[in-house]
């Protein structure tokens, strides 16, 4: 009987030890899980803090400064080609301005824009039909977190109204004088994608260098972007090196002649007007680039003053149809450069060949 009692006592003792061990194991597993969860939570918190540490971002520009409190999720753009920068960075804007020249249909899209939208899977982009002025209502309806206007001609009034909708990334110096690099860096910074913007700039620079190396005849040639008018041959309109069109010509290895740069009193101004009586200032130009066609060239060549410009006389001229995609690409951005650079360099190379004929 005593042996049975001792056996029963042993069984109870063993079961108690088993239950205590099981409870201890559960507590250990719970503690382990809690530690893992705490670790994951700490990592997520650290990542969030690291992401938020970049903000707020302050961007200085011609109208003051813009503060962006957190990474924008909804990006809108206004006026010329700012949407192309967003697209090149893989972001489809919630709304953007229609292109007002160079478009071959009523879509408001230049071919490189349409191509990139298709690549990104956007079939129905929200295009602002604002070629006669900003459509503030449409911009507001797109509900943006930021509005990109780095390359634009917005006024103080425009800026003030846009700022009531969302923070605005405006140009830094003057209207229409933002180079493609500045446009990319300003827009990318405003989107919280500065590093991606810097990489896009590097990739585009490499493309330009690669293509320019295929045309060594451009190196050191004197060039001027000049717009002539068949309706009024008494005046000349030039784009300066501050304008993206002029700046891009120099990036290809060419130079503006000193006779022209000496006439520029405001280095930030994108244009310069001259009288045809000062046409001799263009005599140092090896070639002339401008908007126009064959009929305009013939009219300029027949003019008693303008026809004496050496580049005009020998035909070292690249006249681009302003209503064509190439004409629109004269205001360069990464998408436009990639799409048109081969055609552009072929025309420039042909104009240079006439120097030695």
Protein backbone atom coordinates (compact mmCIF):
# COMPACT_ATOMS: atom_id res chain seq x y z
CA UNK A 1 0.00 0.00 0.00
CA UNK A 2 2.82 2.32 0.95
CA UNK A 3 4.54 1.46 -2.32
CA UNK A 4 1.43 2.43 -4.23
CA UNK A 5 1.28 5.75 -2.40
CA UNK A 6 4.91 6.41 -3.17
CA UNK A 7 4.28 5.58 -6.87
CA UNK A 8 1.27 7.89 -7.01
CA UNK A 9 3.27 10.66 -5.31
CA UNK A 10 6.06 10.19 -7.88
CA UNK A 11 3.60 10.39 -10.77
CA UNK A 12 2.11 13.62 -9.41
CA UNK A 13 5.59 15.09 -8.89
CA UNK A 14 6.67 14.17 -12.45
CA UNK A 15 3.53 15.65 -13.95
CA UNK A 16 4.08 18.85 -11.98
CA UNK A 17 7.63 19.13 -13.29
CA UNK A 18 6.39 18.55 -16.86
CA UNK A 19 3.74 21.25 -16.55
CA UNK A 20 6.25 23.72 -15.11
CA UNK A 21 8.69 23.00 -17.96
CA UNK A 22 5.96 23.46 -20.55
CA UNK A 23 4.93 26.78 -19.05
CA UNK A 24 8.54 27.88 -18.94
CA UNK A 25 8.94 26.99 -22.64
CA UNK A 26 5.84 28.98 -23.58
CA UNK A 27 7.12 31.98 -21.64
CA UNK A 28 10.46 31.64 -23.42
CA UNK A 29 8.80 31.46 -26.85
CA UNK A 30 6.58 34.44 -26.01
CA UNK A 31 9.57 36.44 -24.89
CA UNK A 32 11.44 35.46 -28.03
CA UNK A 33 8.51 36.49 -30.25
CA UNK A 34 8.15 39.75 -28.35
CA UNK A 35 11.87 40.43 -28.84
CA UNK A 36 11.58 39.68 -32.57
CA UNK A 37 8.51 41.92 -32.90
CA UNK A 38 10.24 44.68 -30.96
CA UNK A 39 13.28 44.29 -33.23
CA UNK A 40 11.13 44.49 -36.39
CA UNK A 41 9.27 47.48 -35.00
CA UNK A 42 12.56 49.21 -34.14
CA UNK A 43 13.87 48.60 -37.66
CA UNK A 44 10.66 49.97 -39.21
CA UNK A 45 10.78 53.00 -36.92
CA UNK A 46 14.44 53.61 -37.76
CA UNK A 47 13.67 53.35 -41.50
CA UNK A 48 10.75 55.75 -41.15
CA UNK A 49 12.87 58.18 -39.14
CA UNK A 50 15.66 57.95 -41.73
CA UNK A 51 13.17 58.67 -44.54
CA UNK A 52 11.59 61.57 -42.67
CA UNK A 53 14.97 62.99 -41.67
CA UNK A 54 15.28 64.54 -45.13
CA UNK A 55 12.24 66.68 -44.52
CA UNK A 56 11.23 69.38 -44.48
CA UNK A 57 12.93 70.27 -47.77
CA UNK A 58 13.39 73.97 -48.51
CA UNK A 59 13.87 75.07 -52.13
CA UNK A 60 14.87 78.65 -52.85
CA UNK A 61 13.65 80.25 -56.08
CA UNK A 62 12.85 83.55 -57.77
CA UNK A 63 9.70 84.09 -55.65
CA UNK A 64 11.23 83.24 -52.29
CA UNK A 65 11.32 79.71 -50.95
CA UNK A 66 9.11 76.65 -50.88
CA UNK A 67 8.98 74.24 -47.95
CA UNK A 68 7.95 70.64 -48.62
CA UNK A 69 7.08 68.90 -45.36
CA UNK A 70 7.01 65.28 -46.56
CA UNK A 71 7.60 63.21 -49.68
CA UNK A 72 4.92 64.11 -52.25
CA UNK A 73 2.76 61.27 -53.49
CA UNK A 74 0.79 63.29 -56.06
CA UNK A 75 2.83 65.42 -58.47
CA UNK A 76 1.35 67.97 -60.88
CA UNK A 77 3.29 70.09 -63.38
CA UNK A 78 2.54 73.25 -65.35
CA UNK A 79 3.80 74.82 -68.56
CA UNK A 80 6.63 73.43 -70.63
CA UNK A 81 8.07 69.90 -70.24
CA UNK A 82 8.22 69.72 -66.45
CA UNK A 83 6.10 66.59 -66.72
CA UNK A 84 8.79 64.99 -68.89
CA UNK A 85 11.22 65.15 -65.98
CA UNK A 86 8.73 63.44 -63.67
CA UNK A 87 8.08 60.79 -66.31
CA UNK A 88 11.81 60.24 -66.86
CA UNK A 89 12.03 59.54 -63.13
CA UNK A 90 9.24 56.98 -63.44
CA UNK A 91 6.45 59.11 -61.96
CA UNK A 92 3.22 59.80 -63.85
CA UNK A 93 1.92 63.26 -62.86
CA UNK A 94 -1.66 63.52 -61.63
CA UNK A 95 -1.98 66.38 -64.12
CA UNK A 96 0.22 68.33 -66.52
CA UNK A 97 0.04 71.04 -69.17
CA UNK A 98 -0.53 70.24 -72.82
CA UNK A 99 2.41 70.92 -75.14
CA UNK A 100 1.60 74.02 -77.17
CA UNK A 101 3.78 73.35 -80.21
CA UNK A 102 5.38 70.41 -81.94
CA UNK A 103 2.32 68.21 -81.36
CA UNK A 104 1.02 66.42 -84.43
CA UNK A 105 -2.51 65.72 -83.11
CA UNK A 106 -4.96 67.02 -80.50
CA UNK A 107 -3.54 64.93 -77.64
CA UNK A 108 -1.30 67.67 -76.24
CA UNK A 109 1.46 65.05 -76.07
CA UNK A 110 4.83 65.15 -77.78
CA UNK A 111 5.99 61.74 -79.07
CA UNK A 112 8.55 61.12 -76.32
CA UNK A 113 5.94 61.98 -73.69
CA UNK A 114 3.40 59.61 -75.24
CA UNK A 115 6.05 56.89 -75.51
CA UNK A 116 7.01 57.18 -71.84
CA UNK A 117 3.39 57.25 -70.68
CA UNK A 118 2.78 54.03 -72.57
CA UNK A 119 5.90 52.49 -71.05
CA UNK A 120 4.64 53.40 -67.56
CA UNK A 121 1.20 51.97 -68.31
CA UNK A 122 -0.76 55.24 -68.29
CA UNK A 123 -3.49 55.16 -70.92
CA UNK A 124 -5.52 58.20 -69.87
CA UNK A 125 -3.27 61.02 -68.60
CA UNK A 126 -4.82 64.13 -67.08
CA UNK A 127 -3.71 66.87 -69.50
CA UNK A 128 -4.44 70.51 -68.63
CA UNK A 129 -5.65 72.38 -71.69
CA UNK A 130 -4.07 75.60 -70.49
CA UNK A 131 -2.19 76.92 -73.50
CA UNK A 132 -4.05 80.24 -73.14
CA UNK A 133 -3.28 80.52 -69.44
CA UNK A 134 -3.04 78.28 -66.40
CA UNK A 135 -6.23 76.35 -65.62
CA UNK A 136 -6.16 76.80 -61.85
CA UNK A 137 -9.39 74.91 -61.37
CA UNK A 138 -8.10 71.84 -63.23
CA UNK A 139 -4.81 72.01 -61.34
CA UNK A 140 -6.66 72.18 -58.03
CA UNK A 141 -8.95 69.30 -59.02
CA UNK A 142 -5.89 67.08 -59.59
CA UNK A 143 -5.26 67.39 -55.83
CA UNK A 144 -1.44 67.60 -55.99
CA UNK A 145 1.01 67.45 -53.10
CA UNK A 146 3.52 69.51 -55.10
CA UNK A 147 3.46 71.52 -58.35
CA UNK A 148 6.55 71.53 -60.57
CA UNK A 149 7.24 74.72 -62.56
CA UNK A 150 11.04 74.76 -62.71
CA UNK A 151 11.05 75.56 -66.42
CA UNK A 152 8.24 78.03 -66.89
CA UNK A 153 7.24 81.65 -67.22
CA UNK A 154 4.87 81.84 -64.27
CA UNK A 155 4.39 85.27 -62.73
CA UNK A 156 4.25 86.29 -59.08
CA UNK A 157 0.45 86.23 -59.31
CA UNK A 158 0.54 82.73 -60.83
CA UNK A 159 2.88 81.58 -58.10
CA UNK A 160 0.69 83.00 -55.33
CA UNK A 161 -2.43 81.32 -56.71
CA UNK A 162 -0.67 77.99 -57.29
CA UNK A 163 0.77 78.09 -53.76
CA UNK A 164 -2.78 78.07 -52.40
CA UNK A 165 -3.17 74.67 -54.04
CA UNK A 166 0.17 73.05 -53.14
CA UNK A 167 3.87 73.91 -52.66
CA UNK A 168 5.37 75.16 -55.92
CA UNK A 169 8.87 74.42 -57.26
CA UNK A 170 9.57 77.52 -59.38
CA UNK A 171 12.56 78.67 -61.43
CA UNK A 172 15.57 80.02 -59.54
CA UNK A 173 16.59 83.04 -61.58
CA UNK A 174 14.28 84.13 -64.40
CA UNK A 175 11.47 82.83 -66.60
CA UNK A 176 12.37 80.32 -69.32
CA UNK A 177 16.06 80.35 -68.38
CA UNK A 178 16.33 77.03 -66.52
CA UNK A 179 18.79 74.61 -68.11
CA UNK A 180 17.78 70.98 -68.45
CA UNK A 181 20.12 70.01 -65.61
CA UNK A 182 18.66 72.61 -63.27
CA UNK A 183 15.16 71.55 -64.30
CA UNK A 184 15.89 67.93 -63.43
CA UNK A 185 17.59 68.72 -60.11
CA UNK A 186 14.91 71.19 -58.97
CA UNK A 187 12.05 68.91 -59.91
CA UNK A 188 13.68 65.78 -58.50
CA UNK A 189 14.43 67.56 -55.23
CA UNK A 190 10.83 68.74 -55.00
CA UNK A 191 9.67 65.17 -55.58
CA UNK A 192 11.92 63.79 -52.85
CA UNK A 193 14.01 62.02 -55.51
CA UNK A 194 17.21 64.05 -55.55
CA UNK A 195 19.54 61.06 -55.88
CA UNK A 196 17.47 59.65 -58.74
CA UNK A 197 17.59 63.08 -60.39
CA UNK A 198 21.36 63.21 -60.11
CA UNK A 199 21.57 59.77 -61.73
CA UNK A 200 19.26 60.90 -64.55
CA UNK A 201 21.53 63.89 -65.17
CA UNK A 202 24.62 61.63 -65.27
CA UNK A 203 22.94 59.21 -67.68
CA UNK A 204 21.85 62.03 -69.98
CA UNK A 205 25.30 63.62 -69.91
CA UNK A 206 26.83 60.29 -70.92
CA UNK A 207 24.37 60.01 -73.81
CA UNK A 208 25.23 63.52 -75.03
CA UNK A 209 28.98 62.86 -74.81
CA UNK A 210 28.60 59.59 -76.67
CA UNK A 211 26.58 61.16 -79.48
CA UNK A 212 28.74 64.30 -79.71
CA UNK A 213 31.85 62.11 -80.02
CA UNK A 214 30.37 60.77 -83.26
CA UNK A 215 30.48 64.34 -84.68
CA UNK A 216 33.94 65.74 -83.92
CA UNK A 217 33.37 68.40 -86.60
CA UNK A 218 31.23 70.32 -84.09
CA UNK A 219 34.04 70.90 -81.63
CA UNK A 220 34.87 74.61 -81.28
CA UNK A 221 32.55 75.80 -84.05
CA UNK A 222 30.93 79.19 -83.55
CA UNK A 223 27.14 78.95 -83.46
CA UNK A 224 24.19 81.25 -82.76
CA UNK A 225 20.50 80.44 -82.41
CA UNK A 226 18.76 83.15 -84.44
CA UNK A 227 15.08 83.50 -85.25
CA UNK A 228 14.28 85.47 -88.42
CA UNK A 229 10.84 86.69 -89.46
CA UNK A 230 9.73 86.79 -93.08
CA UNK A 231 7.24 89.49 -92.07
CA UNK A 232 9.88 91.79 -90.61
CA UNK A 233 13.49 91.43 -91.70
CA UNK A 234 14.52 94.54 -89.79
CA UNK A 235 14.82 92.69 -86.47
CA UNK A 236 16.61 89.60 -85.24
CA UNK A 237 15.68 87.53 -82.19
CA UNK A 238 18.46 85.49 -80.59
CA UNK A 239 18.44 82.89 -77.84
CA UNK A 240 21.40 83.47 -75.54
CA UNK A 241 23.62 80.86 -73.85
CA UNK A 242 21.36 81.29 -70.79
CA UNK A 243 18.49 79.79 -72.76
CA UNK A 244 18.35 75.96 -72.75
CA UNK A 245 18.52 75.95 -76.56
CA UNK A 246 21.72 77.97 -76.62
CA UNK A 247 23.19 76.14 -73.66
CA UNK A 248 22.61 72.77 -75.32
CA UNK A 249 24.48 73.86 -78.47
CA UNK A 250 27.50 74.64 -76.32
CA UNK A 251 27.15 71.33 -74.52
CA UNK A 252 27.57 69.66 -77.90
CA UNK A 253 31.02 71.27 -78.14
CA UNK A 254 30.23 74.52 -79.95
CA UNK A 255 30.63 78.14 -78.80
CA UNK A 256 28.82 81.44 -79.11
CA UNK A 257 31.04 84.06 -80.85
CA UNK A 258 32.31 86.90 -78.67
CA UNK A 259 30.68 89.41 -81.02
CA UNK A 260 27.34 88.15 -79.66
CA UNK A 261 28.22 87.46 -76.02
CA UNK A 262 29.64 90.99 -75.74
CA UNK A 263 26.15 92.33 -76.53
CA UNK A 264 24.52 90.46 -73.65
CA UNK A 265 24.13 92.88 -70.74
CA UNK A 266 22.02 90.56 -68.55
CA UNK A 267 23.67 87.12 -68.25
CA UNK A 268 20.39 85.62 -66.95
CA UNK A 269 18.31 86.81 -69.91
CA UNK A 270 17.30 84.05 -72.31
CA UNK A 271 16.95 86.29 -75.38
CA UNK A 272 18.55 89.18 -77.23
CA UNK A 273 17.06 91.44 -79.87
CA UNK A 274 19.17 93.04 -82.59
CA UNK A 275 18.51 95.30 -85.52
CA UNK A 276 19.27 93.91 -88.97
CA UNK A 277 21.72 96.81 -89.24
CA UNK A 278 23.83 94.90 -86.72
CA UNK A 279 23.85 91.75 -88.81
CA UNK A 280 27.63 92.00 -89.03
CA UNK A 281 27.72 90.71 -85.43
CA UNK A 282 26.77 87.34 -86.90
CA UNK A 283 29.65 87.27 -89.37
CA UNK A 284 31.81 85.25 -86.97
CA UNK A 285 29.23 82.47 -86.73
CA UNK A 286 30.23 79.24 -88.48
CA UNK A 287 26.62 78.14 -88.48
CA UNK A 288 23.20 79.46 -87.53
CA UNK A 289 20.39 77.48 -85.93
CA UNK A 290 16.83 78.73 -85.74
CA UNK A 291 13.16 78.06 -86.30
CA UNK A 292 12.10 78.19 -89.94
CA UNK A 293 11.89 76.36 -93.25
CA UNK A 294 13.33 76.52 -96.77
CA UNK A 295 11.12 79.44 -97.81
CA UNK A 296 12.30 81.51 -94.84
CA UNK A 297 15.91 80.69 -95.65
CA UNK A 298 15.48 81.86 -99.22
CA UNK A 299 13.87 85.10 -98.00
CA UNK A 300 16.73 85.75 -95.55
CA UNK A 301 19.32 84.96 -98.20
CA UNK A 302 17.72 87.49 -100.55
CA UNK A 303 17.76 90.28 -97.95
CA UNK A 304 20.45 92.92 -98.72
CA UNK A 305 21.74 92.95 -95.12
CA UNK A 306 21.01 89.49 -93.76
CA UNK A 307 22.06 87.80 -96.98
CA UNK A 308 25.63 88.99 -96.43
CA UNK A 309 26.04 86.91 -93.29
CA UNK A 310 28.65 84.28 -94.33
CA UNK A 311 26.74 81.36 -92.76
CA UNK A 312 23.61 82.44 -94.68
CA UNK A 313 25.52 82.85 -97.95
CA UNK A 314 27.01 79.35 -97.90
CA UNK A 315 23.99 77.62 -96.38
CA UNK A 316 25.52 76.67 -93.04
CA UNK A 317 22.08 76.92 -91.52
CA UNK A 318 19.85 74.55 -89.57
CA UNK A 319 16.30 75.82 -89.85
CA UNK A 320 13.92 73.67 -87.80
CA UNK A 321 10.19 73.57 -88.31
CA UNK A 322 8.88 75.00 -85.04
CA UNK A 323 5.71 72.94 -85.27
CA UNK A 324 7.64 69.65 -85.50
CA UNK A 325 8.76 67.41 -82.62
CA UNK A 326 12.37 68.39 -83.33
CA UNK A 327 11.37 72.04 -83.04
CA UNK A 328 9.83 71.31 -79.66
CA UNK A 329 12.95 69.44 -78.59
CA UNK A 330 14.94 72.65 -79.00
CA UNK A 331 13.96 73.18 -75.36
CA UNK A 332 15.78 70.05 -74.20
CA UNK A 333 15.00 67.67 -71.38
CA UNK A 334 16.18 64.07 -70.92
CA UNK A 335 13.26 62.46 -72.77
CA UNK A 336 13.42 64.92 -75.68
CA UNK A 337 17.20 64.65 -75.96
CA UNK A 338 17.12 60.88 -76.13
CA UNK A 339 14.33 60.92 -78.73
CA UNK A 340 15.75 63.53 -81.15
CA UNK A 341 19.52 63.84 -80.69
CA UNK A 342 20.45 61.70 -83.70
CA UNK A 343 18.28 63.74 -86.07
CA UNK A 344 19.52 67.02 -84.60
CA UNK A 345 23.21 66.13 -84.91
CA UNK A 346 22.76 64.93 -88.48
CA UNK A 347 21.36 68.34 -89.46
CA UNK A 348 24.12 70.21 -87.64
CA UNK A 349 26.78 68.02 -89.23
CA UNK A 350 25.37 68.72 -92.68
CA UNK A 351 25.47 72.48 -92.05
CA UNK A 352 29.10 72.31 -90.91
CA UNK A 353 30.13 70.35 -94.01
CA UNK A 354 29.25 73.41 -96.13
CA UNK A 355 31.95 75.47 -94.43
CA UNK A 356 34.69 73.78 -96.45
CA UNK A 357 32.80 73.36 -99.72
